[in-house]
Every structure is written in C-alpha cells, then in structure tokens.
C-alpha cells in the first residue's frame, strides 16, 4: 500500500490503494455484526425517503445500483421492494467475493437491519423471508465507480454508503465519485448516500485506508448540481464507531428531473 499521507501534501489516490486487502469479515464484525444506533437512524431516514417516493410515484419495477457496496447489505435491502434488478458494484475482489456469497442466502446479522426497514409496509409486503426476493434480483459486479462515466442514465434508483469520502484523500476524487454516481441515475431517480464527516482514515483488520476530510456543506455542494431535491442531516457523535471522525452525514433526494444529457460539471 502507498505510504503517503495527507501531511505529505500529496494525495493518496484511489488507484494507490490495495483494495484487495480489504477484510470484509473484520469490517462486518466491527460495524455490522450488531445494529448500531447510527445505522438504525440512517436506515430509518432512507426507508422513509424511498417509501414516501414510491407511494407518490407507483409503477413498474425498476433497476437500482449500490455503488461501492463493500461488505454492507442494508443499502441493497432498502431498494428491494421496487427493483427488478439491483447491481452491487465494488472494486475489491475480497468484497465482491463476500457479496457473491450472500446472494443465495445472506447471513443472519442482516435481519436486524431488515426489521428496521419493516417498520414500513412496503417492506413487509415482500413476505416473511426477503432472501427469496434478494436472490432473484441482486447481482454482483466487480468494477471501479470511476468507470461509471460510460454508463450514464442506466439506473432508476441508487445508493452510495461511506464510499465517496472513503476511497482516497483527494477532494477531486470525492467530487468525481459523486459525479459518477449521480450521472449514472436517470432524471427523477431517488437516491440516498452516507458519509463519515471529517474522517482521518480508517483501519480494517491490519490495513489502513485513506479518507477525504469533508463536511455536511461539502456534501450539499457536491450533490447540489445534480439534485432536483436534496436533504441532508448529521447522524451520531464523534468517534463512536472508531477514532478519527466527527460524525456521519446522510443525504437523500431526487436526481434533477429536468437533467439534460450534459451536467453542469461536465
């Protein structure tokens, strides 16, 4: 792994990072083995957003994408009632292997996240075991979110959780990740995203990974050029999940329904 740090004045870029060393088992044990209050709040926000949107806009089943899915299934679960296909995209071979292992029948720790989603009838309507629906609609693809530039307008809803700020120290790459995520959505698509605020980087198992120091205002600015509707809110307190961040940020809204083929950013 590249040994440069932000203190060197040189960004550690996404391409510098040995993502295949990411340990999904260690990540889950630390973050998702038990439902944290912060995740419960995030899941509740996303549940309300998606459920309210589709109650106002019922129709055919659509396609969804979770960008940088990693070892986290609750974003995909949040899209499950409305999608005929959900693509889980991740660069790390280790994460891709974990995700593929979950498609036929995901682990029991994810049931507690599903229980939070089931506070809305849109989710309970799928029946007692959402694993049936999950295996029918979810597919996993190994790929770099920066390659989504060639797949504009391909998905009708999307999620991106703890990705854009957690792939490098570069502000330009943070914005590029948001750009590619939002451009991959059709006009009017509902989306949700989450971020670690003022993160100094993070360790998974024995490996350290970079992060970009961003604030809620940075999130609002980065999404504002694409969102016809946008809300954000802070979640949690500093250093609860780990050391070296000031809180979490969740953002949700709709892709600009009047978006043209070319966005303001490019």
C-alpha atoms as a PDB file:
ATOM      1  CA  UNK A   1       0.000   0.000   0.000  1.00  0.00           C
ATOM      2  CA  UNK A   2       1.157   3.526  -0.730  1.00  0.00           C
ATOM      3  CA  UNK A   3       2.791   5.077   2.345  1.00  0.00           C
ATOM      4  CA  UNK A   4       1.992   8.696   1.539  1.00  0.00           C
ATOM      5  CA  UNK A   5      -0.215  10.613   3.950  1.00  0.00           C
ATOM      6  CA  UNK A   6      -2.150  13.908   3.760  1.00  0.00           C
ATOM      7  CA  UNK A   7       0.625  15.507   5.772  1.00  0.00           C
ATOM      8  CA  UNK A   8       2.985  14.988   2.840  1.00  0.00           C
ATOM      9  CA  UNK A   9       0.909  17.427   0.793  1.00  0.00           C
ATOM     10  CA  UNK A  10       0.360  14.665  -1.783  1.00  0.00           C
ATOM     11  CA  UNK A  11      -2.991  12.958  -2.031  1.00  0.00           C
ATOM     12  CA  UNK A  12      -3.261   9.208  -1.708  1.00  0.00           C
ATOM     13  CA  UNK A  13      -5.435   8.373  -4.690  1.00  0.00           C
ATOM     14  CA  UNK A  14      -7.893   5.544  -5.154  1.00  0.00           C
ATOM     15  CA  UNK A  15      -5.538   3.845  -7.600  1.00  0.00           C
ATOM     16  CA  UNK A  16      -2.783   3.856  -4.937  1.00  0.00           C
ATOM     17  CA  UNK A  17      -4.744   1.661  -2.534  1.00  0.00           C
ATOM     18  CA  UNK A  18      -4.507  -2.126  -2.337  1.00  0.00           C
ATOM     19  CA  UNK A  19      -8.263  -2.654  -2.156  1.00  0.00           C
ATOM     20  CA  UNK A  20      -7.973  -6.426  -2.454  1.00  0.00           C
ATOM     21  CA  UNK A  21      -6.509  -6.436   1.074  1.00  0.00           C
ATOM     22  CA  UNK A  22      -9.816  -5.144   2.444  1.00  0.00           C
ATOM     23  CA  UNK A  23     -11.081  -7.682   5.005  1.00  0.00           C
ATOM     24  CA  UNK A  24     -14.902  -7.888   4.792  1.00  0.00           C
ATOM     25  CA  UNK A  25     -15.167 -10.219   7.809  1.00  0.00           C
ATOM     26  CA  UNK A  26     -13.280  -7.772  10.039  1.00  0.00           C
ATOM     27  CA  UNK A  27     -15.309  -4.871   8.666  1.00  0.00           C
ATOM     28  CA  UNK A  28     -18.614  -6.593   9.405  1.00  0.00           C
ATOM     29  CA  UNK A  29     -17.514  -7.682  12.880  1.00  0.00           C
ATOM     30  CA  UNK A  30     -16.669  -4.090  13.741  1.00  0.00           C
ATOM     31  CA  UNK A  31     -19.557  -2.296  12.031  1.00  0.00           C
ATOM     32  CA  UNK A  32     -22.488  -4.565  11.217  1.00  0.00           C
ATOM     33  CA  UNK A  33     -22.463  -7.626  13.463  1.00  0.00           C
ATOM     34  CA  UNK A  34     -24.833  -5.704  15.731  1.00  0.00           C
ATOM     35  CA  UNK A  35     -27.155  -2.847  14.776  1.00  0.00           C
ATOM     36  CA  UNK A  36     -25.630   0.453  15.887  1.00  0.00           C
ATOM     37  CA  UNK A  37     -27.873   3.392  16.767  1.00  0.00           C
ATOM     38  CA  UNK A  38     -26.297   5.416  13.957  1.00  0.00           C
ATOM     39  CA  UNK A  39     -27.142   2.810  11.343  1.00  0.00           C
ATOM     40  CA  UNK A  40     -30.651   2.432  12.720  1.00  0.00           C
ATOM     41  CA  UNK A  41     -31.170   6.167  12.223  1.00  0.00           C
ATOM     42  CA  UNK A  42     -29.704   6.100   8.716  1.00  0.00           C
ATOM     43  CA  UNK A  43     -31.819   3.101   7.698  1.00  0.00           C
ATOM     44  CA  UNK A  44     -34.923   4.860   9.041  1.00  0.00           C
ATOM     45  CA  UNK A  45     -34.213   8.006   7.017  1.00  0.00           C
ATOM     46  CA  UNK A  46     -33.656   6.006   3.834  1.00  0.00           C
ATOM     47  CA  UNK A  47     -36.743   3.850   4.455  1.00  0.00           C
ATOM     48  CA  UNK A  48     -38.962   6.923   4.765  1.00  0.00           C
ATOM     49  CA  UNK A  49     -37.467   8.555   1.687  1.00  0.00           C
ATOM     50  CA  UNK A  50     -37.841   5.588  -0.635  1.00  0.00           C
ATOM     51  CA  UNK A  51     -41.243   4.509   0.694  1.00  0.00           C
ATOM     52  CA  UNK A  52     -42.690   8.015   0.502  1.00  0.00           C
ATOM     53  CA  UNK A  53     -41.344   8.496  -3.009  1.00  0.00           C
ATOM     54  CA  UNK A  54     -42.828   5.304  -4.394  1.00  0.00           C
ATOM     55  CA  UNK A  55     -46.164   5.834  -2.682  1.00  0.00           C
ATOM     56  CA  UNK A  56     -46.381   9.091  -4.602  1.00  0.00           C
ATOM     57  CA  UNK A  57     -44.971   7.518  -7.760  1.00  0.00           C
ATOM     58  CA  UNK A  58     -46.190   3.935  -8.070  1.00  0.00           C
ATOM     59  CA  UNK A  59     -45.435   1.991 -11.225  1.00  0.00           C
ATOM     60  CA  UNK A  60     -43.347  -0.705 -12.764  1.00  0.00           C
ATOM     61  CA  UNK A  61     -40.357  -2.296 -11.078  1.00  0.00           C
ATOM     62  CA  UNK A  62     -37.097  -0.554 -11.841  1.00  0.00           C
ATOM     63  CA  UNK A  63     -33.328  -1.078 -11.712  1.00  0.00           C
ATOM     64  CA  UNK A  64     -31.157   0.008  -8.801  1.00  0.00           C
ATOM     65  CA  UNK A  65     -27.448   0.264  -8.072  1.00  0.00           C
ATOM     66  CA  UNK A  66     -25.447   0.310  -4.850  1.00  0.00           C
ATOM     67  CA  UNK A  67     -22.127   1.943  -5.709  1.00  0.00           C
ATOM     68  CA  UNK A  68     -19.152   0.705  -3.698  1.00  0.00           C
ATOM     69  CA  UNK A  69     -21.332  -1.813  -1.905  1.00  0.00           C
ATOM     70  CA  UNK A  70     -18.470  -3.267   0.128  1.00  0.00           C
ATOM     71  CA  UNK A  71     -19.482  -5.563   2.960  1.00  0.00           C
ATOM     72  CA  UNK A  72     -22.774  -3.782   3.600  1.00  0.00           C
ATOM     73  CA  UNK A  73     -26.134  -5.177   2.506  1.00  0.00           C
ATOM     74  CA  UNK A  74     -28.558  -2.699   4.031  1.00  0.00           C
ATOM     75  CA  UNK A  75     -28.453  -0.241   1.101  1.00  0.00           C
ATOM     76  CA  UNK A  76     -29.496  -3.055  -1.250  1.00  0.00           C
ATOM     77  CA  UNK A  77     -32.169  -4.189   1.200  1.00  0.00           C
ATOM     78  CA  UNK A  78     -33.536  -0.640   1.274  1.00  0.00           C
ATOM     79  CA  UNK A  79     -34.170  -0.796  -2.505  1.00  0.00           C
ATOM     80  CA  UNK A  80     -35.570  -4.327  -2.559  1.00  0.00           C
ATOM     81  CA  UNK A  81     -39.344  -3.680  -2.773  1.00  0.00           C
ATOM     82  CA  UNK A  82     -39.155  -1.671  -6.006  1.00  0.00           C
ATOM     83  CA  UNK A  83     -36.382  -3.212  -8.092  1.00  0.00           C
ATOM     84  CA  UNK A  84     -36.424  -5.960 -10.681  1.00  0.00           C
ATOM     85  CA  UNK A  85     -32.627  -5.841 -10.580  1.00  0.00           C
ATOM     86  CA  UNK A  86     -30.122  -4.401  -8.113  1.00  0.00           C
ATOM     87  CA  UNK A  87     -26.460  -4.249  -9.058  1.00  0.00           C
ATOM     88  CA  UNK A  88     -23.895  -4.295  -6.250  1.00  0.00           C
ATOM     89  CA  UNK A  89     -20.723  -2.687  -7.604  1.00  0.00           C
ATOM     90  CA  UNK A  90     -17.384  -2.921  -5.813  1.00  0.00           C
ATOM     91  CA  UNK A  91     -13.735  -2.731  -6.814  1.00  0.00           C
ATOM     92  CA  UNK A  92     -12.272  -5.056  -4.163  1.00  0.00           C
ATOM     93  CA  UNK A  93     -12.078  -8.737  -5.079  1.00  0.00           C
ATOM     94  CA  UNK A  94     -12.473  -9.598  -1.388  1.00  0.00           C
ATOM     95  CA  UNK A  95     -15.678  -7.573  -1.119  1.00  0.00           C
ATOM     96  CA  UNK A  96     -17.007  -8.992  -4.376  1.00  0.00           C
ATOM     97  CA  UNK A  97     -16.401 -12.487  -3.036  1.00  0.00           C
ATOM     98  CA  UNK A  98     -18.296 -11.660   0.143  1.00  0.00           C
ATOM     99  CA  UNK A  99     -21.214 -10.134  -1.761  1.00  0.00           C
ATOM    100  CA  UNK A 100     -21.500 -13.133  -4.072  1.00  0.00           C
ATOM    101  CA  UNK A 101     -21.547 -15.426  -1.043  1.00  0.00           C
ATOM    102  CA  UNK A 102     -24.591 -13.547   0.287  1.00  0.00           C
ATOM    103  CA  UNK A 103     -26.818 -13.651  -2.780  1.00  0.00           C
ATOM    104  CA  UNK A 104     -28.256 -17.135  -2.307  1.00  0.00           C
ATOM    105  CA  UNK A 105     -28.950 -16.568   1.382  1.00  0.00           C
ATOM    106  CA  UNK A 106     -27.472 -13.696   3.344  1.00  0.00           C
ATOM    107  CA  UNK A 107     -26.212 -14.002   6.914  1.00  0.00           C
ATOM    108  CA  UNK A 108     -28.478 -13.606   9.939  1.00  0.00           C
ATOM    109  CA  UNK A 109     -26.893 -10.341  11.139  1.00  0.00           C
ATOM    110  CA  UNK A 110     -28.672  -8.514   8.298  1.00  0.00           C
ATOM    111  CA  UNK A 111     -32.088  -9.485   9.689  1.00  0.00           C
ATOM    112  CA  UNK A 112     -31.893  -6.746  12.318  1.00  0.00           C
ATOM    113  CA  UNK A 113     -31.487  -4.140   9.566  1.00  0.00           C
ATOM    114  CA  UNK A 114     -34.418  -5.633   7.671  1.00  0.00           C
ATOM    115  CA  UNK A 115     -36.523  -5.372  10.834  1.00  0.00           C
ATOM    116  CA  UNK A 116     -35.948  -1.596  10.857  1.00  0.00           C
ATOM    117  CA  UNK A 117     -36.995  -1.378   7.207  1.00  0.00           C
ATOM    118  CA  UNK A 118     -40.113  -3.407   8.008  1.00  0.00           C
ATOM    119  CA  UNK A 119     -41.484  -0.526  10.050  1.00  0.00           C
ATOM    120  CA  UNK A 120     -42.965   0.408   6.666  1.00  0.00           C
ATOM    121  CA  UNK A 121     -45.470  -1.841   4.897  1.00  0.00           C
ATOM    122  CA  UNK A 122     -43.590  -1.562   1.585  1.00  0.00           C
ATOM    123  CA  UNK A 123     -41.022  -3.957   3.027  1.00  0.00           C
ATOM    124  CA  UNK A 124     -43.301  -6.314   4.932  1.00  0.00           C
ATOM    125  CA  UNK A 125     -45.240  -6.818   1.687  1.00  0.00           C
ATOM    126  CA  UNK A 126     -42.315  -8.914   0.420  1.00  0.00           C
ATOM    127  CA  UNK A 127     -43.217 -11.666   2.873  1.00  0.00           C
ATOM    128  CA  UNK A 128     -41.539 -13.349   5.796  1.00  0.00           C
ATOM    129  CA  UNK A 129     -38.209 -14.068   4.100  1.00  0.00           C
ATOM    130  CA  UNK A 130     -36.776 -11.281   1.917  1.00  0.00           C
ATOM    131  CA  UNK A 131     -33.928 -13.619   0.961  1.00  0.00           C
ATOM    132  CA  UNK A 132     -36.163 -15.053  -1.753  1.00  0.00           C
ATOM    133  CA  UNK A 133     -36.551 -11.652  -3.390  1.00  0.00           C
ATOM    134  CA  UNK A 134     -32.895 -10.814  -2.744  1.00  0.00           C
ATOM    135  CA  UNK A 135     -31.594 -13.821  -4.654  1.00  0.00           C
ATOM    136  CA  UNK A 136     -34.000 -13.109  -7.524  1.00  0.00           C
ATOM    137  CA  UNK A 137     -32.939  -9.518  -8.143  1.00  0.00           C
ATOM    138  CA  UNK A 138     -29.399  -8.957  -6.823  1.00  0.00           C
ATOM    139  CA  UNK A 139     -26.327  -9.369  -8.981  1.00  0.00           C
ATOM    140  CA  UNK A 140     -22.722  -8.507  -8.142  1.00  0.00           C
ATOM    141  CA  UNK A 141     -20.220  -6.823 -10.435  1.00  0.00           C
ATOM    142  CA  UNK A 142     -16.568  -6.082  -9.821  1.00  0.00           C
ATOM    143  CA  UNK A 143     -15.771  -2.637 -11.110  1.00  0.00           C
ATOM    144  CA  UNK A 144     -14.476   0.847 -10.372  1.00  0.00           C
ATOM    145  CA  UNK A 145     -17.053   3.559  -9.788  1.00  0.00           C
ATOM    146  CA  UNK A 146     -14.877   5.895 -11.860  1.00  0.00           C
ATOM    147  CA  UNK A 147     -15.679   3.690 -14.848  1.00  0.00           C
ATOM    148  CA  UNK A 148     -19.386   4.525 -14.494  1.00  0.00           C
ATOM    149  CA  UNK A 149     -18.772   7.579 -16.658  1.00  0.00           C
ATOM    150  CA  UNK A 150     -19.665   5.444 -19.657  1.00  0.00           C
ATOM    151  CA  UNK A 151     -22.961   4.272 -18.142  1.00  0.00           C
ATOM    152  CA  UNK A 152     -24.890   7.485 -17.702  1.00  0.00           C
ATOM    153  CA  UNK A 153     -28.590   7.250 -17.007  1.00  0.00           C
ATOM    154  CA  UNK A 154     -28.513   3.486 -16.527  1.00  0.00           C
ATOM    155  CA  UNK A 155     -30.340   3.109 -13.177  1.00  0.00           C
ATOM    156  CA  UNK A 156     -33.637   4.361 -11.763  1.00  0.00           C
ATOM    157  CA  UNK A 157     -32.615   4.497  -8.089  1.00  0.00           C
ATOM    158  CA  UNK A 158     -29.314   4.317  -6.285  1.00  0.00           C
ATOM    159  CA  UNK A 159     -27.367   4.251  -3.034  1.00  0.00           C
ATOM    160  CA  UNK A 160     -23.753   5.056  -2.142  1.00  0.00           C
ATOM    161  CA  UNK A 161     -22.827   4.494   1.504  1.00  0.00           C
ATOM    162  CA  UNK A 162     -19.472   5.516   3.013  1.00  0.00           C
ATOM    163  CA  UNK A 163     -17.728   5.438  -0.363  1.00  0.00           C
ATOM    164  CA  UNK A 164     -17.019   8.844  -1.944  1.00  0.00           C
ATOM    165  CA  UNK A 165     -15.110  10.145   1.100  1.00  0.00           C
ATOM    166  CA  UNK A 166     -13.513   6.772   1.905  1.00  0.00           C
ATOM    167  CA  UNK A 167     -11.616   5.917  -1.272  1.00  0.00           C
ATOM    168  CA  UNK A 168      -8.782   8.473  -1.240  1.00  0.00           C
ATOM    169  CA  UNK A 169      -7.637  11.708   0.397  1.00  0.00           C
ATOM    170  CA  UNK A 170      -8.400  13.686  -2.772  1.00  0.00           C
ATOM    171  CA  UNK A 171     -11.180  16.289  -2.881  1.00  0.00           C
ATOM    172  CA  UNK A 172     -11.232  15.935  -6.662  1.00  0.00           C
ATOM    173  CA  UNK A 173     -11.830  12.179  -6.359  1.00  0.00           C
ATOM    174  CA  UNK A 174     -14.541  12.760  -3.764  1.00  0.00           C
ATOM    175  CA  UNK A 175     -16.352  15.014  -6.208  1.00  0.00           C
ATOM    176  CA  UNK A 176     -15.653  12.625  -9.072  1.00  0.00           C
ATOM    177  CA  UNK A 177     -17.265   9.782  -7.136  1.00  0.00           C
ATOM    178  CA  UNK A 178     -20.391  11.867  -6.530  1.00  0.00           C
ATOM    179  CA  UNK A 179     -20.406  12.951 -10.188  1.00  0.00           C
ATOM    180  CA  UNK A 180     -20.296   9.394 -11.498  1.00  0.00           C
ATOM    181  CA  UNK A 181     -22.895   8.145  -9.025  1.00  0.00           C
ATOM    182  CA  UNK A 182     -25.386  10.865  -9.855  1.00  0.00           C
ATOM    183  CA  UNK A 183     -24.788  10.752 -13.600  1.00  0.00           C
ATOM    184  CA  UNK A 184     -25.475   7.010 -13.551  1.00  0.00           C
ATOM    185  CA  UNK A 185     -29.070   7.752 -12.454  1.00  0.00           C
ATOM    186  CA  UNK A 186     -31.971   8.682 -14.702  1.00  0.00           C
ATOM    187  CA  UNK A 187     -33.670  12.072 -14.212  1.00  0.00           C
ATOM    188  CA  UNK A 188     -36.054  11.911 -11.276  1.00  0.00           C
ATOM    189  CA  UNK A 189     -34.386   8.868  -9.683  1.00  0.00           C
ATOM    190  CA  UNK A 190     -34.487   8.681  -5.870  1.00  0.00           C
ATOM    191  CA  UNK A 191     -31.111   8.274  -4.195  1.00  0.00           C
ATOM    192  CA  UNK A 192     -29.538   8.046  -0.750  1.00  0.00           C
ATOM    193  CA  UNK A 193     -25.921   8.345   0.349  1.00  0.00           C
ATOM    194  CA  UNK A 194     -23.985   8.428   3.613  1.00  0.00           C
ATOM    195  CA  UNK A 195     -20.581   9.746   4.649  1.00  0.00           C
ATOM    196  CA  UNK A 196     -18.128   9.905   7.533  1.00  0.00           C
ATOM    197  CA  UNK A 197     -17.616  13.559   8.410  1.00  0.00           C
ATOM    198  CA  UNK A 198     -14.051  14.885   8.841  1.00  0.00           C
ATOM    199  CA  UNK A 199     -12.617  11.382   8.617  1.00  0.00           C
ATOM    200  CA  UNK A 200      -8.874  10.906   9.089  1.00  0.00           C
ATOM    201  CA  UNK A 201      -8.882   7.455   7.500  1.00  0.00           C
ATOM    202  CA  UNK A 202      -9.819   4.063   8.862  1.00  0.00           C
ATOM    203  CA  UNK A 203      -8.398   0.649   9.615  1.00  0.00           C
ATOM    204  CA  UNK A 204      -9.933  -2.685   8.629  1.00  0.00           C
ATOM    205  CA  UNK A 205      -8.135  -5.606  10.196  1.00  0.00           C
ATOM    206  CA  UNK A 206      -4.413  -4.943   9.807  1.00  0.00           C
ATOM    207  CA  UNK A 207      -4.758  -2.489   6.913  1.00  0.00           C
ATOM    208  CA  UNK A 208      -5.285   1.273   6.894  1.00  0.00           C
ATOM    209  CA  UNK A 209      -7.335   3.014   4.219  1.00  0.00           C
ATOM    210  CA  UNK A 210      -7.473   6.706   3.278  1.00  0.00           C
ATOM    211  CA  UNK A 211     -10.310   9.184   3.625  1.00  0.00           C
ATOM    212  CA  UNK A 212     -11.125  12.690   2.442  1.00  0.00           C
ATOM    213  CA  UNK A 213     -11.962  15.324   5.054  1.00  0.00           C
ATOM    214  CA  UNK A 214     -15.473  16.530   4.135  1.00  0.00           C
ATOM    215  CA  UNK A 215     -18.285  18.374   5.903  1.00  0.00           C
ATOM    216  CA  UNK A 216     -22.065  18.487   5.517  1.00  0.00           C
ATOM    217  CA  UNK A 217     -21.736  21.655   3.449  1.00  0.00           C
ATOM    218  CA  UNK A 218     -19.336  19.821   1.128  1.00  0.00           C
ATOM    219  CA  UNK A 219     -21.932  17.072   0.678  1.00  0.00           C
ATOM    220  CA  UNK A 220     -24.649  19.583  -0.098  1.00  0.00           C
ATOM    221  CA  UNK A 221     -22.447  21.397  -2.594  1.00  0.00           C
ATOM    222  CA  UNK A 222     -21.283  18.222  -4.329  1.00  0.00           C
ATOM    223  CA  UNK A 223     -24.827  16.876  -4.784  1.00  0.00           C
ATOM    224  CA  UNK A 224     -26.476  20.228  -5.384  1.00  0.00           C
ATOM    225  CA  UNK A 225     -25.550  20.424  -9.058  1.00  0.00           C
ATOM    226  CA  UNK A 226     -27.414  17.167  -9.745  1.00  0.00           C
ATOM    227  CA  UNK A 227     -30.299  17.045  -7.294  1.00  0.00           C
ATOM    228  CA  UNK A 228     -33.713  18.479  -8.031  1.00  0.00           C
ATOM    229  CA  UNK A 229     -34.493  17.757  -4.384  1.00  0.00           C
ATOM    230  CA  UNK A 230     -31.864  17.303  -1.677  1.00  0.00           C
ATOM    231  CA  UNK A 231     -31.918  16.891   2.101  1.00  0.00           C
ATOM    232  CA  UNK A 232     -29.017  16.205   4.452  1.00  0.00           C
ATOM    233  CA  UNK A 233     -28.669  15.697   8.176  1.00  0.00           C
ATOM    234  CA  UNK A 234     -25.897  14.865  10.653  1.00  0.00           C
ATOM    235  CA  UNK A 235     -26.011  11.499  12.395  1.00  0.00           C
ATOM    236  CA  UNK A 236     -24.365  10.435  15.653  1.00  0.00           C
ATOM    237  CA  UNK A 237     -21.490  11.721  17.724  1.00  0.00           C
ATOM    238  CA  UNK A 238     -17.714  11.819  17.129  1.00  0.00           C
ATOM    239  CA  UNK A 239     -15.572   8.691  17.432  1.00  0.00           C
ATOM    240  CA  UNK A 240     -18.335   6.250  18.368  1.00  0.00           C
ATOM    241  CA  UNK A 241     -17.656   3.622  15.714  1.00  0.00           C
ATOM    242  CA  UNK A 242     -13.926   4.292  15.619  1.00  0.00           C
ATOM    243  CA  UNK A 243     -11.438   7.081  16.262  1.00  0.00           C
ATOM    244  CA  UNK A 244     -10.873   9.874  13.794  1.00  0.00           C
ATOM    245  CA  UNK A 245     -14.179  11.321  12.565  1.00  0.00           C
ATOM    246  CA  UNK A 246     -16.668  13.906  13.839  1.00  0.00           C
ATOM    247  CA  UNK A 247     -19.959  12.203  12.929  1.00  0.00           C
ATOM    248  CA  UNK A 248     -21.882  10.840   9.980  1.00  0.00           C
ATOM    249  CA  UNK A 249     -23.886  12.560   7.259  1.00  0.00           C
ATOM    250  CA  UNK A 250     -26.836  11.156   5.353  1.00  0.00           C
ATOM    251  CA  UNK A 251     -28.069  12.727   2.110  1.00  0.00           C
ATOM    252  CA  UNK A 252     -31.197  11.862   0.187  1.00  0.00           C
ATOM    253  CA  UNK A 253     -33.218  13.295  -2.644  1.00  0.00           C
ATOM    254  CA  UNK A 254     -34.074  13.028  -6.328  1.00  0.00           C
ATOM    255  CA  UNK A 255     -31.906  13.318  -9.404  1.00  0.00           C
ATOM    256  CA  UNK A 256     -32.841  16.561 -11.157  1.00  0.00           C
ATOM    257  CA  UNK A 257     -35.949  15.602 -13.174  1.00  0.00           C
ATOM    258  CA  UNK A 258     -35.016  18.178 -15.823  1.00  0.00           C
ATOM    259  CA  UNK A 259     -31.406  16.992 -16.158  1.00  0.00           C
ATOM    260  CA  UNK A 260     -30.060  17.122 -19.693  1.00  0.00           C
ATOM    261  CA  UNK A 261     -27.535  14.768 -21.232  1.00  0.00           C
ATOM    262  CA  UNK A 262     -24.740  17.076 -20.093  1.00  0.00           C
ATOM    263  CA  UNK A 263     -24.497  18.081 -16.444  1.00  0.00           C
ATOM    264  CA  UNK A 264     -23.121  21.360 -15.098  1.00  0.00           C
ATOM    265  CA  UNK A 265     -19.952  19.548 -14.030  1.00  0.00           C
ATOM    266  CA  UNK A 266     -19.181  18.260 -17.443  1.00  0.00           C
END
